[in-house]
PDB file of N, CA and C in Angstrom:
ATOM      1  N   MET A   1     137.161 166.853  61.994  1.00  0.00           N
ATOM      2  CA  MET A   1     138.296 167.482  62.203  1.00  0.00           C
ATOM      3  C   MET A   1     139.348 167.324  63.669  1.00  0.00           C
ATOM      4  N   GLN A   2     140.657 167.167  62.760  1.00  0.00           N
ATOM      5  CA  GLN A   2     141.694 166.228  63.592  1.00  0.00           C
ATOM      6  C   GLN A   2     142.385 168.089  64.249  1.00  0.00           C
ATOM      7  N   CYS A   3     143.095 167.630  65.286  1.00  0.00           N
ATOM      8  CA  CYS A   3     144.001 169.028  65.812  1.00  0.00           C
ATOM      9  C   CYS A   3     145.149 168.576  67.029  1.00  0.00           C
ATOM     10  N   ASN A   4     146.089 169.262  66.875  1.00  0.00           N
ATOM     11  CA  ASN A   4     146.820 168.857  68.166  1.00  0.00           C
ATOM     12  C   ASN A   4     146.728 169.591  69.438  1.00  0.00           C
ATOM     13  N   MET A   5     146.791 167.916  70.005  1.00  0.00           N
ATOM     14  CA  MET A   5     146.161 168.758  71.763  1.00  0.00           C
ATOM     15  C   MET A   5     147.268 167.834  72.445  1.00  0.00           C
ATOM     16  N   GLY A   6     147.985 168.078  72.825  1.00  0.00           N
ATOM     17  CA  GLY A   6     148.721 167.772  73.886  1.00  0.00           C
ATOM     18  C   GLY A   6     149.431 166.806  73.066  1.00  0.00           C
ATOM     19  N   ALA A   7     149.857 167.048  71.491  1.00  0.00           N
ATOM     20  CA  ALA A   7     150.511 166.214  71.007  1.00  0.00           C
ATOM     21  C   ALA A   7     149.884 164.455  69.879  1.00  0.00           C
ATOM     22  N   LYS A   8     148.393 164.568  70.563  1.00  0.00           N
ATOM     23  CA  LYS A   8     147.529 163.217  70.180  1.00  0.00           C
ATOM     24  C   LYS A   8     146.625 163.509  69.104  1.00  0.00           C
ATOM     25  N   ASN A   9     146.416 163.112  68.363  1.00  0.00           N
ATOM     26  CA  ASN A   9     145.019 162.868  67.433  1.00  0.00           C
ATOM     27  C   ASN A   9     144.560 163.088  67.972  1.00  0.00           C
ATOM     28  N   HIS A  10     142.812 164.491  68.018  1.00  0.00           N
ATOM     29  CA  HIS A  10     141.191 163.842  68.156  1.00  0.00           C
ATOM     30  C   HIS A  10     140.757 164.270  67.578  1.00  0.00           C
ATOM     31  N   GLY A  11     139.883 163.796  67.422  1.00  0.00           N
ATOM     32  CA  GLY A  11     138.741 163.627  66.807  1.00  0.00           C
ATOM     33  C   GLY A  11     137.169 164.856  67.596  1.00  0.00           C
ATOM     34  N   VAL A  12     137.398 165.421  66.518  1.00  0.00           N
ATOM     35  CA  VAL A  12     135.940 166.375  67.801  1.00  0.00           C
ATOM     36  C   VAL A  12     134.981 166.394  66.351  1.00  0.00           C
ATOM     37  N   ILE A  13     133.539 165.833  66.949  1.00  0.00           N
ATOM     38  CA  ILE A  13     132.219 165.583  66.710  1.00  0.00           C
ATOM     39  C   ILE A  13     131.310 166.492  66.283  1.00  0.00           C
ATOM     40  N   MET A  14     130.776 167.504  65.634  1.00  0.00           N
ATOM     41  CA  MET A  14     129.808 168.392  65.625  1.00  0.00           C
ATOM     42  C   MET A  14     128.717 167.423  65.977  1.00  0.00           C
ATOM     43  N   PRO A  15     127.511 167.960  66.556  1.00  0.00           N
ATOM     44  CA  PRO A  15     126.037 167.900  66.378  1.00  0.00           C
ATOM     45  C   PRO A  15     125.835 167.832  65.002  1.00  0.00           C
ATOM     46  N   ASP A  16     126.543 169.044  63.436  1.00  0.00           N
ATOM     47  CA  ASP A  16     125.751 168.812  62.432  1.00  0.00           C
ATOM     48  C   ASP A  16     126.484 168.079  61.485  1.00  0.00           C
ATOM     49  N   ALA A  17     127.396 166.833  62.007  1.00  0.00           N
ATOM     50  CA  ALA A  17     127.461 166.353  61.360  1.00  0.00           C
ATOM     51  C   ALA A  17     127.008 165.171  60.449  1.00  0.00           C
ATOM     52  N   ASP A  18     127.076 164.754  59.530  1.00  0.00           N
ATOM     53  CA  ASP A  18     126.266 163.760  59.554  1.00  0.00           C
ATOM     54  C   ASP A  18     127.194 161.902  59.975  1.00  0.00           C
ATOM     55  N   LYS A  19     125.833 161.912  60.463  1.00  0.00           N
ATOM     56  CA  LYS A  19     126.227 160.688  62.065  1.00  0.00           C
ATOM     57  C   LYS A  19     126.812 159.803  61.303  1.00  0.00           C
ATOM     58  N   GLU A  20     126.578 158.883  59.600  1.00  0.00           N
ATOM     59  CA  GLU A  20     126.528 157.897  59.704  1.00  0.00           C
ATOM     60  C   GLU A  20     128.498 157.925  59.346  1.00  0.00           C
ATOM     61  N   ASP A  21     128.355 158.793  58.596  1.00  0.00           N
ATOM     62  CA  ASP A  21     129.996 159.072  58.082  1.00  0.00           C
ATOM     63  C   ASP A  21     130.956 159.273  58.750  1.00  0.00           C
ATOM     64  N   ALA A  22     130.564 160.511  60.221  1.00  0.00           N
ATOM     65  CA  ALA A  22     131.601 160.231  61.311  1.00  0.00           C
ATOM     66  C   ALA A  22     131.731 159.251  61.664  1.00  0.00           C
ATOM     67  N   LEU A  23     130.800 158.467  62.635  1.00  0.00           N
ATOM     68  CA  LEU A  23     130.969 157.099  63.210  1.00  0.00           C
ATOM     69  C   LEU A  23     132.149 156.199  62.382  1.00  0.00           C
ATOM     70  N   ASN A  24     131.442 156.183  60.926  1.00  0.00           N
ATOM     71  CA  ASN A  24     133.082 155.035  60.276  1.00  0.00           C
ATOM     72  C   ASN A  24     134.358 156.168  60.453  1.00  0.00           C
ATOM     73  N   ALA A  25     134.441 156.960  60.080  1.00  0.00           N
ATOM     74  CA  ALA A  25     135.649 157.809  60.079  1.00  0.00           C
ATOM     75  C   ALA A  25     136.143 158.017  61.157  1.00  0.00           C
ATOM     76  N   LEU A  26     135.666 158.024  62.302  1.00  0.00           N
ATOM     77  CA  LEU A  26     136.631 158.168  63.806  1.00  0.00           C
ATOM     78  C   LEU A  26     137.193 156.594  63.607  1.00  0.00           C
ATOM     79  N   VAL A  27     135.791 154.858  63.259  1.00  0.00           N
ATOM     80  CA  VAL A  27     136.456 153.893  63.775  1.00  0.00           C
ATOM     81  C   VAL A  27     137.713 153.335  62.993  1.00  0.00           C
ATOM     82  N   ASN A  28     137.860 154.150  61.562  1.00  0.00           N
ATOM     83  CA  ASN A  28     138.523 153.914  60.089  1.00  0.00           C
ATOM     84  C   ASN A  28     139.836 154.734  61.217  1.00  0.00           C
ATOM     85  N   ALA A  29     140.040 156.059  61.480  1.00  0.00           N
ATOM     86  CA  ALA A  29     141.051 156.974  62.064  1.00  0.00           C
ATOM     87  C   ALA A  29     141.280 156.348  63.387  1.00  0.00           C
ATOM     88  N   ALA A  30     141.305 155.513  63.934  1.00  0.00           N
ATOM     89  CA  ALA A  30     141.402 154.961  64.875  1.00  0.00           C
ATOM     90  C   ALA A  30     142.039 153.876  64.771  1.00  0.00           C
ATOM     91  N   PHE A  31     141.357 152.823  63.815  1.00  0.00           N
ATOM     92  CA  PHE A  31     142.111 151.205  63.959  1.00  0.00           C
ATOM     93  C   PHE A  31     142.999 150.897  62.551  1.00  0.00           C
ATOM     94  N   GLY A  32     142.163 151.870  61.592  1.00  0.00           N
ATOM     95  CA  GLY A  32     143.302 152.116  60.043  1.00  0.00           C
ATOM     96  C   GLY A  32     145.004 151.573  60.409  1.00  0.00           C
ATOM     97  N   ALA A  33     145.458 150.660  59.791  1.00  0.00           N
ATOM     98  CA  ALA A  33     146.665 150.031  60.299  1.00  0.00           C
ATOM     99  C   ALA A  33     146.878 149.964  61.414  1.00  0.00           C
ATOM    100  N   SER A  34     145.438 149.552  61.310  1.00  0.00           N
ATOM    101  CA  SER A  34     145.416 148.367  63.531  1.00  0.00           C
ATOM    102  C   SER A  34     146.446 148.980  64.270  1.00  0.00           C
ATOM    103  N   GLY A  35     145.521 150.770  63.382  1.00  0.00           N
ATOM    104  CA  GLY A  35     146.298 151.679  65.416  1.00  0.00           C
ATOM    105  C   GLY A  35     147.548 151.840  65.306  1.00  0.00           C
ATOM    106  N   GLN A  36     147.978 151.514  64.332  1.00  0.00           N
ATOM    107  CA  GLN A  36     150.034 151.422  64.584  1.00  0.00           C
ATOM    108  C   GLN A  36     150.746 152.816  63.843  1.00  0.00           C
ATOM    109  N   ARG A  37     149.848 153.629  63.468  1.00  0.00           N
ATOM    110  CA  ARG A  37     150.667 154.550  62.767  1.00  0.00           C
ATOM    111  C   ARG A  37     150.693 155.764  63.346  1.00  0.00           C
ATOM    112  N   CYS A  38     151.326 157.142  63.197  1.00  0.00           N
ATOM    113  CA  CYS A  38     151.017 157.981  63.942  1.00  0.00           C
ATOM    114  C   CYS A  38     150.108 159.360  64.295  1.00  0.00           C
ATOM    115  N   MET A  39     149.084 158.759  63.191  1.00  0.00           N
ATOM    116  CA  MET A  39     148.064 159.971  63.267  1.00  0.00           C
ATOM    117  C   MET A  39     147.357 159.277  63.870  1.00  0.00           C
ATOM    118  N   ALA A  40     147.422 158.076  64.187  1.00  0.00           N
ATOM    119  CA  ALA A  40     145.951 157.126  64.883  1.00  0.00           C
ATOM    120  C   ALA A  40     145.085 158.252  65.677  1.00  0.00           C
ATOM    121  N   LEU A  41     143.985 157.836  65.168  1.00  0.00           N
ATOM    122  CA  LEU A  41     142.822 158.826  65.617  1.00  0.00           C
ATOM    123  C   LEU A  41     142.932 157.676  67.729  1.00  0.00           C
ATOM    124  N   THR A  42     143.076 158.912  69.188  1.00  0.00           N
ATOM    125  CA  THR A  42     143.402 158.408  69.975  1.00  0.00           C
ATOM    126  C   THR A  42     142.259 159.098  70.787  1.00  0.00           C
ATOM    127  N   THR A  43     141.959 159.992  70.765  1.00  0.00           N
ATOM    128  CA  THR A  43     140.956 160.338  71.649  1.00  0.00           C
ATOM    129  C   THR A  43     139.287 160.919  70.233  1.00  0.00           C
ATOM    130  N   ALA A  44     138.400 160.780  70.660  1.00  0.00           N
ATOM    131  CA  ALA A  44     137.106 161.879  70.211  1.00  0.00           C
ATOM    132  C   ALA A  44     136.539 162.627  71.189  1.00  0.00           C
ATOM    133  N   VAL A  45     136.200 163.140  70.654  1.00  0.00           N
ATOM    134  CA  VAL A  45     135.440 164.291  71.882  1.00  0.00           C
ATOM    135  C   VAL A  45     133.894 164.914  70.899  1.00  0.00           C
ATOM    136  N   PHE A  46     132.862 164.595  71.332  1.00  0.00           N
ATOM    137  CA  PHE A  46     131.503 164.770  70.883  1.00  0.00           C
ATOM    138  C   PHE A  46     131.085 165.431  71.660  1.00  0.00           C
ATOM    139  N   VAL A  47     130.810 166.257  71.070  1.00  0.00           N
ATOM    140  CA  VAL A  47     130.060 167.900  70.988  1.00  0.00           C
ATOM    141  C   VAL A  47     128.613 167.278  71.192  1.00  0.00           C
ATOM    142  N   GLY A  48     127.774 167.924  72.424  1.00  0.00           N
ATOM    143  CA  GLY A  48     126.937 168.163  72.613  1.00  0.00           C
ATOM    144  C   GLY A  48     125.537 166.578  72.247  1.00  0.00           C
ATOM    145  N   GLU A  49     125.016 166.778  71.773  1.00  0.00           N
ATOM    146  CA  GLU A  49     124.155 165.509  70.803  1.00  0.00           C
ATOM    147  C   GLU A  49     124.605 164.543  70.722  1.00  0.00           C
ATOM    148  N   THR A  50     126.033 164.752  70.145  1.00  0.00           N
ATOM    149  CA  THR A  50     126.409 163.717  69.398  1.00  0.00           C
ATOM    150  C   THR A  50     126.753 162.768  70.800  1.00  0.00           C
ATOM    151  N   SER A  51     127.123 163.061  71.871  1.00  0.00           N
ATOM    152  CA  SER A  51     127.876 161.463  72.804  1.00  0.00           C
ATOM    153  C   SER A  51     126.327 160.957  72.739  1.00  0.00           C
ATOM    154  N   ASN A  52     125.014 160.845  72.445  1.00  0.00           N
ATOM    155  CA  ASN A  52     124.948 159.965  72.522  1.00  0.00           C
ATOM    156  C   ASN A  52     125.243 158.683  71.261  1.00  0.00           C
ATOM    157  N   TRP A  53     125.747 159.242  70.338  1.00  0.00           N
ATOM    158  CA  TRP A  53     126.226 158.951  69.529  1.00  0.00           C
ATOM    159  C   TRP A  53     127.267 157.694  69.060  1.00  0.00           C
ATOM    160  N   ILE A  54     128.194 157.429  70.988  1.00  0.00           N
ATOM    161  CA  ILE A  54     128.869 156.541  71.563  1.00  0.00           C
ATOM    162  C   ILE A  54     128.165 154.973  71.194  1.00  0.00           C
ATOM    163  N   THR A  55     127.176 154.969  71.944  1.00  0.00           N
ATOM    164  CA  THR A  55     126.372 153.516  71.713  1.00  0.00           C
ATOM    165  C   THR A  55     126.624 153.113  70.458  1.00  0.00           C
ATOM    166  N   GLU A  56     126.215 154.073  69.408  1.00  0.00           N
ATOM    167  CA  GLU A  56     126.329 152.940  67.873  1.00  0.00           C
ATOM    168  C   GLU A  56     128.028 153.020  67.196  1.00  0.00           C
ATOM    169  N   LEU A  57     128.913 153.703  67.996  1.00  0.00           N
ATOM    170  CA  LEU A  57     130.508 153.371  67.509  1.00  0.00           C
ATOM    171  C   LEU A  57     129.956 151.946  68.284  1.00  0.00           C
ATOM    172  N   ILE A  58     130.412 151.534  69.817  1.00  0.00           N
ATOM    173  CA  ILE A  58     130.618 150.211  69.913  1.00  0.00           C
ATOM    174  C   ILE A  58     130.870 149.031  69.087  1.00  0.00           C
ATOM    175  N   PRO A  59     129.080 148.944  68.323  1.00  0.00           N
ATOM    176  CA  PRO A  59     129.326 147.539  67.163  1.00  0.00           C
ATOM    177  C   PRO A  59     130.341 147.809  66.198  1.00  0.00           C
ATOM    178  N   LYS A  60     130.638 149.328  66.151  1.00  0.00           N
ATOM    179  CA  LYS A  60     131.339 149.237  64.386  1.00  0.00           C
ATOM    180  C   LYS A  60     132.485 149.019  65.318  1.00  0.00           C
ATOM    181  N   ALA A  61     132.932 149.492  66.118  1.00  0.00           N
ATOM    182  CA  ALA A  61     134.409 148.567  66.771  1.00  0.00           C
ATOM    183  C   ALA A  61     134.415 147.539  66.851  1.00  0.00           C
ATOM    184  N   GLN A  62     133.551 146.822  66.918  1.00  0.00           N
ATOM    185  CA  GLN A  62     133.369 145.470  67.720  1.00  0.00           C
ATOM    186  C   GLN A  62     133.787 144.743  66.496  1.00  0.00           C
ATOM    187  N   SER A  63     133.342 145.056  65.380  1.00  0.00           N
ATOM    188  CA  SER A  63     132.874 144.691  64.273  1.00  0.00           C
ATOM    189  C   SER A  63     133.759 144.105  63.285  1.00  0.00           C
ATOM    190  N   PHE A  64     135.142 144.568  63.621  1.00  0.00           N
ATOM    191  CA  PHE A  64     136.691 143.686  63.134  1.00  0.00           C
ATOM    192  C   PHE A  64     136.928 142.803  62.973  1.00  0.00           C
ATOM    193  N   LYS A  65     137.729 142.474  62.576  1.00  0.00           N
ATOM    194  CA  LYS A  65     137.097 140.658  62.000  1.00  0.00           C
ATOM    195  C   LYS A  65     139.256 141.207  62.562  1.00  0.00           C
ATOM    196  N   ILE A  66     139.642 140.267  63.449  1.00  0.00           N
ATOM    197  CA  ILE A  66     141.114 139.921  63.964  1.00  0.00           C
ATOM    198  C   ILE A  66     141.465 139.035  63.923  1.00  0.00           C
ATOM    199  N   GLY A  67     142.884 139.178  63.445  1.00  0.00           N
ATOM    200  CA  GLY A  67     143.663 138.140  62.644  1.00  0.00           C
ATOM    201  C   GLY A  67     144.993 138.026  62.895  1.00  0.00           C
ATOM    202  N   ALA A  68     146.019 137.305  61.888  1.00  0.00           N
ATOM    203  CA  ALA A  68     147.003 137.425  61.655  1.00  0.00           C
ATOM    204  C   ALA A  68     146.708 138.029  60.024  1.00  0.00           C
ATOM    205  N   GLY A  69     147.686 139.569  60.335  1.00  0.00           N
ATOM    206  CA  GLY A  69     147.681 140.229  59.195  1.00  0.00           C
ATOM    207  C   GLY A  69     147.444 140.249  58.067  1.00  0.00           C
ATOM    208  N   ASN A  70     148.485 138.539  57.732  1.00  0.00           N
ATOM    209  CA  ASN A  70     148.053 137.922  56.342  1.00  0.00           C
ATOM    210  C   ASN A  70     147.629 137.368  55.597  1.00  0.00           C
ATOM    211  N   GLU A  71     145.981 137.271  56.442  1.00  0.00           N
ATOM    212  CA  GLU A  71     145.035 136.232  56.064  1.00  0.00           C
ATOM    213  C   GLU A  71     143.931 137.343  55.853  1.00  0.00           C
ATOM    214  N   GLU A  72     143.480 136.863  54.294  1.00  0.00           N
ATOM    215  CA  GLU A  72     142.389 137.566  53.676  1.00  0.00           C
ATOM    216  C   GLU A  72     141.349 138.146  55.015  1.00  0.00           C
ATOM    217  N   GLY A  73     140.775 138.965  54.869  1.00  0.00           N
ATOM    218  CA  GLY A  73     139.172 139.342  55.016  1.00  0.00           C
ATOM    219  C   GLY A  73     139.529 140.123  57.190  1.00  0.00           C
ATOM    220  N   ILE A  74     140.893 140.321  57.183  1.00  0.00           N
ATOM    221  CA  ILE A  74     141.411 140.662  58.535  1.00  0.00           C
ATOM    222  C   ILE A  74     141.208 142.318  58.673  1.00  0.00           C
ATOM    223  N   ASP A  75     140.769 142.914  59.107  1.00  0.00           N
ATOM    224  CA  ASP A  75     141.075 144.231  59.365  1.00  0.00           C
ATOM    225  C   ASP A  75     141.837 144.623  60.394  1.00  0.00           C
ATOM    226  N   LEU A  76     142.039 143.712  61.675  1.00  0.00           N
ATOM    227  CA  LEU A  76     143.055 144.434  63.059  1.00  0.00           C
ATOM    228  C   LEU A  76     144.465 143.243  63.118  1.00  0.00           C
ATOM    229  N   SER A  77     145.296 143.897  63.390  1.00  0.00           N
ATOM    230  CA  SER A  77     146.328 142.656  63.391  1.00  0.00           C
ATOM    231  C   SER A  77     146.773 142.928  64.303  1.00  0.00           C
ATOM    232  N   PRO A  78     147.982 141.632  65.139  1.00  0.00           N
ATOM    233  CA  PRO A  78     148.707 141.877  66.468  1.00  0.00           C
ATOM    234  C   PRO A  78     149.308 142.945  65.980  1.00  0.00           C
ATOM    235  N   VAL A  79     150.254 143.762  67.371  1.00  0.00           N
ATOM    236  CA  VAL A  79     150.462 144.417  67.055  1.00  0.00           C
ATOM    237  C   VAL A  79     152.771 144.194  66.802  1.00  0.00           C
ATOM    238  N   CYS A  80     152.915 145.269  66.278  1.00  0.00           N
ATOM    239  CA  CYS A  80     153.968 144.833  65.267  1.00  0.00           C
ATOM    240  C   CYS A  80     155.983 144.606  66.060  1.00  0.00           C
ATOM    241  N   TYR A  81     155.752 144.842  67.215  1.00  0.00           N
ATOM    242  CA  TYR A  81     156.642 144.236  67.800  1.00  0.00           C
ATOM    243  C   TYR A  81     156.180 144.675  69.305  1.00  0.00           C
ATOM    244  N   LYS A  82     157.416 143.503  70.168  1.00  0.00           N
ATOM    245  CA  LYS A  82     157.276 143.667  71.364  1.00  0.00           C
ATOM    246  C   LYS A  82     156.668 144.248  72.199  1.00  0.00           C
ATOM    247  N   GLU A  83     158.255 145.621  72.176  1.00  0.00           N
ATOM    248  CA  GLU A  83     157.994 146.356  73.005  1.00  0.00           C
ATOM    249  C   GLU A  83     156.650 147.138  72.495  1.00  0.00           C
ATOM    250  N   LEU A  84     156.230 147.526  72.170  1.00  0.00           N
ATOM    251  CA  LEU A  84     154.583 147.947  71.730  1.00  0.00           C
ATOM    252  C   LEU A  84     153.204 146.923  72.370  1.00  0.00           C
ATOM    253  N   LYS A  85     153.343 145.810  72.233  1.00  0.00           N
ATOM    254  CA  LYS A  85     152.710 144.995  73.292  1.00  0.00           C
ATOM    255  C   LYS A  85     152.805 145.631  74.860  1.00  0.00           C
ATOM    256  N   GLU A  86     154.313 145.238  75.341  1.00  0.00           N
ATOM    257  CA  GLU A  86     154.079 146.284  76.864  1.00  0.00           C
ATOM    258  C   GLU A  86     154.050 147.292  76.923  1.00  0.00           C
ATOM    259  N   ARG A  87     153.885 147.931  76.256  1.00  0.00           N
ATOM    260  CA  ARG A  87     153.244 149.483  76.396  1.00  0.00           C
ATOM    261  C   ARG A  87     151.761 149.769  76.631  1.00  0.00           C
ATOM    262  N   ILE A  88     150.818 148.592  75.726  1.00  0.00           N
ATOM    263  CA  ILE A  88     149.509 148.260  75.402  1.00  0.00           C
ATOM    264  C   ILE A  88     148.832 147.816  76.772  1.00  0.00           C
ATOM    265  N   VAL A  89     150.033 146.627  77.096  1.00  0.00           N
ATOM    266  CA  VAL A  89     149.024 146.651  78.574  1.00  0.00           C
ATOM    267  C   VAL A  89     149.235 147.032  79.821  1.00  0.00           C
ATOM    268  N   GLN A  90     150.952 147.789  79.789  1.00  0.00           N
ATOM    269  CA  GLN A  90     150.741 148.610  80.745  1.00  0.00           C
ATOM    270  C   GLN A  90     149.394 149.638  81.057  1.00  0.00           C
ATOM    271  N   LEU A  91     149.585 150.376  79.864  1.00  0.00           N
ATOM    272  CA  LEU A  91     148.529 151.196  79.630  1.00  0.00           C
ATOM    273  C   LEU A  91     146.835 150.819  79.663  1.00  0.00           C
ATOM    274  N   VAL A  92     146.344 149.728  79.787  1.00  0.00           N
ATOM    275  CA  VAL A  92     145.523 149.213  80.008  1.00  0.00           C
ATOM    276  C   VAL A  92     145.602 148.984  81.305  1.00  0.00           C
ATOM    277  N   ALA A  93     146.822 148.204  81.806  1.00  0.00           N
ATOM    278  CA  ALA A  93     146.703 148.115  83.312  1.00  0.00           C
ATOM    279  C   ALA A  93     146.324 149.233  84.350  1.00  0.00           C
ATOM    280  N   THR A  94     146.726 150.262  83.618  1.00  0.00           N
ATOM    281  CA  THR A  94     146.812 151.786  84.770  1.00  0.00           C
ATOM    282  C   THR A  94     145.513 152.606  83.899  1.00  0.00           C
ATOM    283  N   ALA A  95     144.349 152.157  83.679  1.00  0.00           N
ATOM    284  CA  ALA A  95     143.134 152.966  83.010  1.00  0.00           C
ATOM    285  C   ALA A  95     142.173 152.769  83.750  1.00  0.00           C
TER     286      ALA A  95
END
C-alpha cells in the first residue's frame, strides 16, 4: 500500500504480506529510476512482526549495481543534476 502522509510516499508492510514479494517491491519502489522520480518510496512502515524483515531488506538494496546509467547491467546511476546531489549531501549530513 502507498498513501499520502505529509506529501511523501510511504509503504506500509502488513504481517499478512508475502515477505519476498513485499521486500522486492520495496527496493524496486525506492530505487527504481535511481530513486529520482516523484513517486519513489521514501519511507517504509513495518507493522508488527514484519519489522524482523528489515535485515533481509538490506542485502537486497546492497545488491544493486552502481555505475554510469548508459552501461549494461547498471541498476543505479548517479544523480541527474548538481542541485540534487547537493540536497542529498545536506540531508545525509543532517541525519
